[in-house]
Amino acid sequence: MSAFVEIQHDLFGPSAPRAVATPAARRTDPETSHKAAEEHTRSGARAHQQQQVTAAVRALPGRTSFELAMATGIDRYVVARRLPECVTAGTVRKGETKTCGITGKTALSWWPA
């Protein structure tokens, strides 16, 4: 049996997140990072990851980003990068801080918006 939580997309649930226009690369990043970020956004991969992360938060509310990553199998850096974008999109919200069950460190919890 897999340790991962399968994230199912509900066809009748809330609509998909709106497009997020936040930069995917910092102003100080090299040009190669900006080109990679543009391609990641243009290809739809960024939006797909946002949908995956939103679905994870809906399925597992109140978890830290690391807990979400470990429970779903989504790369922890993808989860951590997409959560703030999902806040901007209005699909998730920051919760209280808690002790992460994986790292033992204090971290934010994440909840459906």
C-alpha atoms as a PDB file:
ATOM      1  CA  MET A   1       0.000   0.000   0.000  1.00  0.00           C
ATOM      2  CA  SER A   2       1.323   3.450  -0.923  1.00  0.00           C
ATOM      3  CA  ALA A   3       2.021   6.020   1.762  1.00  0.00           C
ATOM      4  CA  PHE A   4       0.884   8.768  -0.581  1.00  0.00           C
ATOM      5  CA  VAL A   5      -2.549  10.329  -0.425  1.00  0.00           C
ATOM      6  CA  GLU A   6      -4.173  10.229  -3.824  1.00  0.00           C
ATOM      7  CA  ILE A   7      -5.460  13.660  -4.748  1.00  0.00           C
ATOM      8  CA  GLN A   8      -8.693  13.445  -6.704  1.00  0.00           C
ATOM      9  CA  HIS A   9     -10.008  16.375  -8.676  1.00  0.00           C
ATOM     10  CA  ASP A  10     -13.683  17.013  -8.043  1.00  0.00           C
ATOM     11  CA  LEU A  11     -15.358  17.985 -11.305  1.00  0.00           C
ATOM     12  CA  PHE A  12     -18.211  19.582  -9.402  1.00  0.00           C
ATOM     13  CA  GLY A  13     -16.124  21.341  -6.754  1.00  0.00           C
ATOM     14  CA  PRO A  14     -14.877  24.913  -6.695  1.00  0.00           C
ATOM     15  CA  SER A  15     -13.589  26.322  -9.954  1.00  0.00           C
ATOM     16  CA  ALA A  16      -9.926  26.098 -10.875  1.00  0.00           C
ATOM     17  CA  PRO A  17      -7.630  28.762  -9.439  1.00  0.00           C
ATOM     18  CA  ARG A  18      -7.418  31.988 -11.369  1.00  0.00           C
ATOM     19  CA  ALA A  19      -4.233  32.723 -13.265  1.00  0.00           C
ATOM     20  CA  VAL A  20      -1.488  34.026 -11.011  1.00  0.00           C
ATOM     21  CA  ALA A  21       0.587  36.849 -12.446  1.00  0.00           C
ATOM     22  CA  THR A  22       3.308  36.836  -9.793  1.00  0.00           C
ATOM     23  CA  PRO A  23       6.866  36.499 -11.096  1.00  0.00           C
ATOM     24  CA  ALA A  24       8.259  32.973 -11.002  1.00  0.00           C
ATOM     25  CA  ALA A  25      11.841  34.280 -10.963  1.00  0.00           C
ATOM     26  CA  ARG A  26      13.339  37.033  -8.836  1.00  0.00           C
ATOM     27  CA  ARG A  27      14.449  40.254 -10.471  1.00  0.00           C
ATOM     28  CA  THR A  28      18.022  39.455  -9.440  1.00  0.00           C
ATOM     29  CA  ASP A  29      18.005  35.936 -10.962  1.00  0.00           C
ATOM     30  CA  PRO A  30      20.041  35.303 -14.122  1.00  0.00           C
ATOM     31  CA  GLU A  31      18.375  35.509 -17.533  1.00  0.00           C
ATOM     32  CA  THR A  32      18.375  31.704 -17.801  1.00  0.00           C
ATOM     33  CA  SER A  33      16.119  31.529 -14.725  1.00  0.00           C
ATOM     34  CA  HIS A  34      13.720  34.029 -16.255  1.00  0.00           C
ATOM     35  CA  LYS A  35      13.564  32.033 -19.498  1.00  0.00           C
ATOM     36  CA  ALA A  36      12.953  28.807 -17.585  1.00  0.00           C
ATOM     37  CA  ALA A  37      10.218  30.481 -15.529  1.00  0.00           C
ATOM     38  CA  GLU A  38       8.538  31.806 -18.669  1.00  0.00           C
ATOM     39  CA  GLU A  39       8.548  28.335 -20.235  1.00  0.00           C
ATOM     40  CA  HIS A  40       7.266  26.735 -17.026  1.00  0.00           C
ATOM     41  CA  THR A  41       4.357  29.191 -16.978  1.00  0.00           C
ATOM     42  CA  ARG A  42       3.706  29.099 -20.733  1.00  0.00           C
ATOM     43  CA  SER A  43       3.606  25.295 -20.853  1.00  0.00           C
ATOM     44  CA  GLY A  44       0.907  25.177 -18.171  1.00  0.00           C
ATOM     45  CA  ALA A  45       3.132  23.243 -15.758  1.00  0.00           C
ATOM     46  CA  ARG A  46       2.994  26.026 -13.169  1.00  0.00           C
ATOM     47  CA  ALA A  47      -0.822  26.174 -13.278  1.00  0.00           C
ATOM     48  CA  HIS A  48      -0.992  22.375 -13.051  1.00  0.00           C
ATOM     49  CA  GLN A  49       1.241  22.412  -9.961  1.00  0.00           C
ATOM     50  CA  GLN A  50      -0.953  25.115  -8.406  1.00  0.00           C
ATOM     51  CA  GLN A  51      -4.002  22.907  -8.973  1.00  0.00           C
ATOM     52  CA  GLN A  52      -2.217  19.913  -7.439  1.00  0.00           C
ATOM     53  CA  VAL A  53      -1.185  21.902  -4.373  1.00  0.00           C
ATOM     54  CA  THR A  54      -4.686  23.367  -3.959  1.00  0.00           C
ATOM     55  CA  ALA A  55      -6.150  19.848  -4.168  1.00  0.00           C
ATOM     56  CA  ALA A  56      -3.628  18.649  -1.571  1.00  0.00           C
ATOM     57  CA  VAL A  57      -4.598  21.420   0.858  1.00  0.00           C
ATOM     58  CA  ARG A  58      -8.304  20.636   0.361  1.00  0.00           C
ATOM     59  CA  ALA A  59      -7.669  16.947   1.004  1.00  0.00           C
ATOM     60  CA  LEU A  60      -5.317  17.539   3.956  1.00  0.00           C
ATOM     61  CA  PRO A  61      -6.242  20.848   5.616  1.00  0.00           C
ATOM     62  CA  GLY A  62      -4.071  22.191   8.406  1.00  0.00           C
ATOM     63  CA  ARG A  63      -0.850  20.503   7.280  1.00  0.00           C
ATOM     64  CA  THR A  64       2.542  22.151   6.842  1.00  0.00           C
ATOM     65  CA  SER A  65       4.100  22.328   3.384  1.00  0.00           C
ATOM     66  CA  PHE A  66       6.482  19.501   4.256  1.00  0.00           C
ATOM     67  CA  GLU A  67       3.622  17.347   5.566  1.00  0.00           C
ATOM     68  CA  LEU A  68       1.652  18.023   2.381  1.00  0.00           C
ATOM     69  CA  ALA A  69       4.639  17.034   0.254  1.00  0.00           C
ATOM     70  CA  MET A  70       5.318  13.841   2.170  1.00  0.00           C
ATOM     71  CA  ALA A  71       1.647  12.785   2.168  1.00  0.00           C
ATOM     72  CA  THR A  72       1.108  13.397  -1.540  1.00  0.00           C
ATOM     73  CA  GLY A  73       4.461  12.667  -3.146  1.00  0.00           C
ATOM     74  CA  ILE A  74       4.628  16.155  -4.642  1.00  0.00           C
ATOM     75  CA  ASP A  75       8.178  17.525  -4.466  1.00  0.00           C
ATOM     76  CA  ARG A  76       8.532  19.577  -1.289  1.00  0.00           C
ATOM     77  CA  TYR A  77      10.050  22.521  -3.151  1.00  0.00           C
ATOM     78  CA  VAL A  78       7.138  22.561  -5.609  1.00  0.00           C
ATOM     79  CA  VAL A  79       4.680  22.646  -2.700  1.00  0.00           C
ATOM     80  CA  ALA A  80       6.618  25.420  -0.933  1.00  0.00           C
ATOM     81  CA  ARG A  81       6.858  27.530  -4.105  1.00  0.00           C
ATOM     82  CA  ARG A  82       3.243  27.120  -5.176  1.00  0.00           C
ATOM     83  CA  LEU A  83       1.532  27.698  -1.813  1.00  0.00           C
ATOM     84  CA  PRO A  84       2.103  31.503  -1.815  1.00  0.00           C
ATOM     85  CA  GLU A  85       0.863  31.616  -5.418  1.00  0.00           C
ATOM     86  CA  CYS A  86      -2.257  29.721  -4.343  1.00  0.00           C
ATOM     87  CA  VAL A  87      -2.797  32.307  -1.593  1.00  0.00           C
ATOM     88  CA  THR A  88      -2.613  35.017  -4.258  1.00  0.00           C
ATOM     89  CA  ALA A  89      -5.071  33.011  -6.396  1.00  0.00           C
ATOM     90  CA  GLY A  90      -7.433  32.809  -3.432  1.00  0.00           C
ATOM     91  CA  THR A  91      -7.565  29.009  -3.251  1.00  0.00           C
ATOM     92  CA  VAL A  92      -5.671  28.500   0.016  1.00  0.00           C
ATOM     93  CA  ARG A  93      -4.891  30.569   3.075  1.00  0.00           C
ATOM     94  CA  LYS A  94      -2.165  30.630   5.683  1.00  0.00           C
ATOM     95  CA  GLY A  95      -3.134  29.235   9.053  1.00  0.00           C
ATOM     96  CA  GLU A  96      -1.532  29.252  12.463  1.00  0.00           C
ATOM     97  CA  THR A  97       1.990  28.039  13.088  1.00  0.00           C
ATOM     98  CA  LYS A  98       2.413  24.521  14.427  1.00  0.00           C
ATOM     99  CA  THR A  99       5.123  21.970  14.971  1.00  0.00           C
ATOM    100  CA  CYS A 100       5.665  20.058  11.738  1.00  0.00           C
ATOM    101  CA  GLY A 101       5.144  16.339  12.257  1.00  0.00           C
ATOM    102  CA  ILE A 102       7.995  15.599   9.840  1.00  0.00           C
ATOM    103  CA  THR A 103      10.727  18.098  10.705  1.00  0.00           C
ATOM    104  CA  GLY A 104       9.800  18.958  14.297  1.00  0.00           C
ATOM    105  CA  LYS A 105      10.249  22.638  13.423  1.00  0.00           C
ATOM    106  CA  THR A 106       7.672  25.398  13.701  1.00  0.00           C
ATOM    107  CA  ALA A 107       5.970  25.991  10.355  1.00  0.00           C
ATOM    108  CA  LEU A 108       2.817  27.505   8.887  1.00  0.00           C
ATOM    109  CA  SER A 109      -0.255  25.394   8.430  1.00  0.00           C
ATOM    110  CA  TRP A 110      -2.250  25.713   5.202  1.00  0.00           C
ATOM    111  CA  TRP A 111      -6.040  25.673   4.772  1.00  0.00           C
ATOM    112  CA  PRO A 112      -8.531  25.873   1.913  1.00  0.00           C
ATOM    113  CA  ALA A 113      -9.736  29.420   1.312  1.00  0.00           C
END
